[in-house]
Amino acid sequence: MPLATLLSRLKFLSAIAALLVTALTPLQGADAGTAPTVTVTQAWARWLPNNLPAAGYLVLHNAGTEAVALTGATSPDFGRVMLHESYTTAGGANRMRHVDQLPIAPGAEVALRPGSYHLMLMRAKHALKPGDTVTVTLQFADGATLPVELPLKPAGTTE
């Protein structure tokens, strides 16, 4: 077998192995010996036209025996990702505020949903449209990270 073909196959197999390791490791903490405790379900993002900020939604499940706290996120697809909470003022106006951290009690789940907590996905780095998938890496107070894929849904989607 020619050397170029062999090297090409090795690169391909290395890429597959890296993807498998990432996919099968739900939460990578600062301590490699720590068992994963946080998983994500129902992940998606609402796309908006004209390069307006998108919003990311998901449900975090803490299967551990200790509380964890979501402190932020990054994305190769967006220039900035922030954790926000939507709320309604006493006068009935809808507002958003930045959240420094979102605690998740042991055995509990926390939902990031429209009208509540969400990830603000700002300054898209390339053209995006409904049907695309973006990557967000969640960051936790203990230094752990969790990569999550968010399929983009059209503006107006609520679930």
Protein backbone atom coordinates (compact mmCIF):
# COMPACT_ATOMS: atom_id res chain seq x y z
CA MET A 1 0.00 0.00 0.00
CA PRO A 2 1.44 3.43 -0.92
CA LEU A 3 2.61 5.57 2.01
CA ALA A 4 0.29 8.45 1.06
CA THR A 5 -2.75 6.14 1.19
CA LEU A 6 -1.66 4.72 4.53
CA LEU A 7 -1.17 8.21 6.02
CA SER A 8 -4.55 9.32 4.68
CA ARG A 9 -6.26 6.34 6.32
CA LEU A 10 -4.45 6.96 9.61
CA LYS A 11 -5.62 10.60 9.63
CA PHE A 12 -9.18 9.47 8.96
CA LEU A 13 -9.08 6.87 11.75
CA SER A 14 -7.59 9.41 14.16
CA ALA A 15 -10.38 11.85 13.38
CA ILE A 16 -13.02 9.15 13.96
CA ALA A 17 -11.39 8.16 17.26
CA ALA A 18 -11.37 11.80 18.43
CA LEU A 19 -15.05 12.19 17.56
CA LEU A 20 -15.94 9.01 19.44
CA VAL A 21 -14.03 10.11 22.53
CA THR A 22 -15.81 13.48 22.48
CA ALA A 23 -19.23 11.95 21.91
CA LEU A 24 -18.86 9.30 24.60
CA THR A 25 -17.53 11.66 27.28
CA PRO A 26 -20.55 13.66 28.52
CA LEU A 27 -18.61 15.91 30.89
CA GLN A 28 -14.88 16.41 30.97
CA GLY A 29 -13.87 17.85 34.33
CA ALA A 30 -10.63 19.22 35.68
CA ASP A 31 -10.13 15.88 37.43
CA ALA A 32 -10.01 13.18 34.76
CA GLY A 33 -10.95 10.58 37.39
CA THR A 34 -14.30 12.24 38.14
CA ALA A 35 -17.30 10.43 36.71
CA PRO A 36 -19.50 12.52 34.42
CA THR A 37 -22.58 13.90 36.15
CA VAL A 38 -24.16 16.41 33.78
CA THR A 39 -25.98 15.47 30.59
CA VAL A 40 -27.98 17.53 28.12
CA THR A 41 -31.26 16.78 26.37
CA GLN A 42 -33.65 18.77 24.16
CA ALA A 43 -30.88 21.02 22.81
CA TRP A 44 -31.76 23.48 20.02
CA ALA A 45 -31.34 27.13 19.05
CA ARG A 46 -33.73 29.68 17.56
CA TRP A 47 -32.26 31.31 14.47
CA LEU A 48 -33.11 34.93 13.68
CA PRO A 49 -32.59 36.70 10.33
CA ASN A 50 -30.26 39.62 9.53
CA ASN A 51 -27.49 38.37 11.84
CA LEU A 52 -29.59 39.06 14.94
CA PRO A 53 -28.52 37.12 18.07
CA ALA A 54 -29.79 33.55 18.24
CA ALA A 55 -30.96 31.91 21.47
CA GLY A 56 -29.92 28.45 22.69
CA TYR A 57 -32.16 26.18 24.73
CA LEU A 58 -31.58 22.83 26.44
CA VAL A 59 -32.22 20.83 29.58
CA LEU A 60 -29.32 20.12 31.96
CA HIS A 61 -29.52 16.98 34.11
CA ASN A 62 -27.24 16.59 37.16
CA ALA A 63 -27.02 12.89 38.02
CA GLY A 64 -24.30 13.54 40.61
CA THR A 65 -24.41 13.80 44.39
CA GLU A 66 -23.10 17.37 44.46
CA ALA A 67 -24.45 20.61 43.04
CA VAL A 68 -22.85 21.98 39.89
CA ALA A 69 -23.11 25.45 38.38
CA LEU A 70 -23.21 26.48 34.72
CA THR A 71 -21.05 29.62 34.46
CA GLY A 72 -20.84 30.28 30.75
CA ALA A 73 -20.31 28.94 27.27
CA THR A 74 -18.23 29.41 24.14
CA SER A 75 -18.83 28.58 20.51
CA PRO A 76 -16.69 28.39 17.39
CA ASP A 77 -19.77 29.58 15.50
CA PHE A 78 -20.40 32.79 17.51
CA GLY A 79 -18.19 35.62 18.73
CA ARG A 80 -19.89 35.69 22.12
CA VAL A 81 -22.16 33.44 24.17
CA MET A 82 -23.85 34.70 27.34
CA LEU A 83 -26.17 33.11 29.90
CA HIS A 84 -29.35 35.19 30.24
CA GLU A 85 -32.68 35.07 32.00
CA SER A 86 -35.87 36.53 30.53
CA TYR A 87 -38.36 38.03 32.96
CA THR A 88 -41.39 40.30 33.08
CA THR A 89 -41.32 43.51 35.10
CA ALA A 90 -44.09 44.53 37.48
CA GLY A 91 -45.29 46.87 34.71
CA GLY A 92 -45.57 43.98 32.24
CA ALA A 93 -42.47 44.73 30.14
CA ASN A 94 -40.35 41.80 28.96
CA ARG A 95 -36.66 42.10 29.83
CA MET A 96 -33.45 40.06 29.91
CA ARG A 97 -30.63 40.06 32.41
CA HIS A 98 -27.18 38.48 32.45
CA VAL A 99 -26.77 35.52 34.81
CA ASP A 100 -23.33 34.82 36.32
CA GLN A 101 -24.09 31.22 37.16
CA LEU A 102 -26.94 28.77 37.09
CA PRO A 103 -26.86 26.18 39.91
CA ILE A 104 -28.09 22.64 39.33
CA ALA A 105 -28.84 20.69 42.51
CA PRO A 106 -27.86 17.01 42.83
CA GLY A 107 -30.36 14.80 41.05
CA ALA A 108 -32.13 17.82 39.55
CA GLU A 109 -32.56 19.31 36.12
CA VAL A 110 -32.66 22.90 34.93
CA ALA A 111 -34.34 23.90 31.68
CA LEU A 112 -33.16 26.70 29.43
CA ARG A 113 -36.40 27.53 27.59
CA PRO A 114 -37.99 30.45 25.73
CA GLY A 115 -39.17 33.04 28.25
CA SER A 116 -36.72 31.83 30.92
CA TYR A 117 -33.02 31.00 31.05
CA HIS A 118 -31.26 30.79 27.67
CA LEU A 119 -27.92 31.14 25.93
CA MET A 120 -27.58 34.34 23.88
CA LEU A 121 -25.58 33.45 20.77
CA MET A 122 -24.17 36.71 19.45
CA ARG A 123 -22.09 37.77 16.44
CA ALA A 124 -22.33 34.73 14.15
CA LYS A 125 -18.93 34.04 12.60
CA HIS A 126 -20.40 32.73 9.34
CA ALA A 127 -23.74 32.56 7.54
CA LEU A 128 -26.25 30.36 9.35
CA LYS A 129 -29.75 29.20 8.49
CA PRO A 130 -32.46 26.94 9.91
CA GLY A 131 -31.39 23.33 9.54
CA ASP A 132 -27.74 24.07 10.34
CA THR A 133 -26.19 22.80 13.57
CA VAL A 134 -23.93 24.92 15.79
CA THR A 135 -21.61 23.81 18.57
CA VAL A 136 -21.63 25.34 22.05
CA THR A 137 -19.27 24.29 24.83
CA LEU A 138 -20.85 24.73 28.24
CA GLN A 139 -18.52 25.80 31.08
CA PHE A 140 -19.02 24.85 34.71
CA ALA A 141 -17.71 26.37 37.96
CA ASP A 142 -15.42 23.39 38.62
CA GLY A 143 -13.63 23.86 35.27
CA ALA A 144 -15.54 21.09 33.51
CA THR A 145 -16.78 21.60 29.96
CA LEU A 146 -19.48 19.93 27.93
CA PRO A 147 -19.75 20.28 24.12
CA VAL A 148 -23.33 20.39 22.84
CA GLU A 149 -24.73 20.41 19.30
CA LEU A 150 -27.69 22.79 18.78
CA PRO A 151 -29.79 22.37 15.63
CA LEU A 152 -31.03 25.75 14.38
CA LYS A 153 -34.80 26.12 14.12
CA PRO A 154 -36.67 28.96 12.36
CA ALA A 155 -37.63 32.24 13.99
CA GLY A 156 -40.92 31.89 15.85
CA THR A 157 -40.18 28.34 17.02
CA THR A 158 -41.01 27.87 20.70
CA GLU A 159 -40.10 24.19 21.21
